[in-house]
Amino acid sequence: MPIRLGRKSACRLPATRLRIKQRIGVPPQSRGSTGGAHCPDIFELRDGRFAVIGTERTAEIRRAHPGMRALAPSEIVVVVDRCTLASAKVDIPDN
């Protein structure tokens, strides 16, 4: 399934090359999302990278941590809850 990116592209590859291989971790419904309003998720892409659905918090993080490393124009800070990342841990390869 292709990933549709929002206002900023996460990388410079064409969207047709960003193909999902599998969900990493359990579906949002299994983590308590019943209405779809809070659905962070993690996917492994076919090329080995990962796509993360979370809340965009770039400006907030930059204000709180002004010494944070510079971001490329195509990068944003995405926040996911601990439960989402912890549920994905078992599916993330060591190498």
Protein backbone atom coordinates (compact mmCIF):
# COMPACT_ATOMS: atom_id res chain seq x y z
CA MET A 1 0.00 0.00 0.00
CA PRO A 2 1.43 3.42 -0.90
CA ILE A 3 1.98 6.04 1.78
CA ARG A 4 0.31 9.39 1.28
CA LEU A 5 2.37 12.10 2.93
CA GLY A 6 0.95 15.33 4.31
CA ARG A 7 2.24 18.84 3.76
CA LYS A 8 5.91 17.86 3.92
CA SER A 9 7.65 14.98 2.23
CA ALA A 10 9.59 12.72 4.59
CA CYS A 11 12.21 12.09 1.93
CA ARG A 12 13.00 12.95 -1.63
CA LEU A 13 11.97 9.61 -3.15
CA PRO A 14 8.81 9.58 -5.25
CA ALA A 15 5.73 8.43 -3.31
CA THR A 16 5.41 5.41 -5.60
CA ARG A 17 8.65 4.00 -4.13
CA LEU A 18 7.46 4.29 -0.51
CA ARG A 19 5.71 0.94 -0.25
CA ILE A 20 4.63 -0.63 3.05
CA LYS A 21 5.90 -4.12 3.74
CA GLN A 22 4.19 -4.61 7.10
CA ARG A 23 2.85 -2.95 10.23
CA ILE A 24 5.35 -3.00 13.09
CA GLY A 25 3.68 -3.75 16.41
CA VAL A 26 -0.04 -4.12 17.00
CA PRO A 27 -2.85 -2.15 15.31
CA PRO A 28 -4.03 1.05 17.02
CA GLN A 29 -7.33 -0.62 18.00
CA SER A 30 -5.38 -3.18 20.03
CA ARG A 31 -3.71 -0.32 21.90
CA GLY A 32 -7.02 1.27 22.88
CA SER A 33 -7.89 3.53 19.93
CA THR A 34 -11.61 3.10 19.42
CA GLY A 35 -12.63 6.23 17.55
CA GLY A 36 -9.61 6.70 15.31
CA ALA A 37 -8.76 10.07 16.89
CA HIS A 38 -5.47 8.84 18.38
CA CYS A 39 -3.84 6.35 16.04
CA PRO A 40 -0.05 6.55 15.96
CA ASP A 41 1.41 3.69 13.97
CA ILE A 42 4.72 2.32 12.66
CA PHE A 43 5.28 0.56 9.35
CA GLU A 44 8.30 -1.15 7.82
CA LEU A 45 8.82 -0.10 4.22
CA ARG A 46 9.90 -2.54 1.52
CA ASP A 47 13.29 -0.83 1.29
CA GLY A 48 13.99 -1.45 5.01
CA ARG A 49 13.21 2.05 6.29
CA PHE A 50 10.35 2.82 8.67
CA ALA A 51 7.38 5.16 8.36
CA VAL A 52 5.92 6.62 11.56
CA ILE A 53 2.47 8.12 11.97
CA GLY A 54 2.42 10.45 14.95
CA THR A 55 1.76 13.99 16.04
CA GLU A 56 3.89 16.65 14.35
CA ARG A 57 5.62 18.65 17.14
CA THR A 58 8.58 20.28 15.42
CA ALA A 59 7.97 23.85 16.60
CA GLU A 60 7.19 22.80 20.17
CA ILE A 61 10.35 20.68 20.45
CA ARG A 62 12.49 23.44 18.92
CA ARG A 63 11.17 25.98 21.47
CA ALA A 64 11.84 23.60 24.36
CA HIS A 65 15.29 22.58 23.06
CA PRO A 66 16.81 25.46 21.09
CA GLY A 67 20.17 23.66 20.84
CA MET A 68 18.62 20.73 19.00
CA ARG A 69 20.46 19.70 15.86
CA ALA A 70 19.39 21.33 12.63
CA LEU A 71 16.65 19.67 10.61
CA ALA A 72 16.71 19.37 6.86
CA PRO A 73 13.85 21.18 5.10
CA SER A 74 12.17 17.81 4.51
CA GLU A 75 12.41 16.68 8.17
CA ILE A 76 9.89 17.12 10.96
CA VAL A 77 9.74 15.86 14.56
CA VAL A 78 7.00 13.28 15.06
CA VAL A 79 5.91 12.14 18.52
CA VAL A 80 4.39 8.71 19.21
CA ASP A 81 3.25 7.43 22.57
CA ARG A 82 5.31 4.92 24.53
CA CYS A 83 2.78 2.12 24.04
CA THR A 84 3.06 2.38 20.23
CA LEU A 85 6.84 2.21 20.23
CA ALA A 86 6.99 -0.51 22.88
CA SER A 87 4.53 -2.67 20.94
CA ALA A 88 6.72 -2.33 17.84
CA LYS A 89 9.94 -3.30 19.63
CA VAL A 90 9.44 -7.03 19.17
CA ASP A 91 9.03 -6.60 15.38
CA ILE A 92 12.06 -4.32 14.80
CA PRO A 93 15.06 -6.29 13.55
CA ASP A 94 18.39 -5.98 15.36
CA ASN A 95 20.26 -5.34 12.12
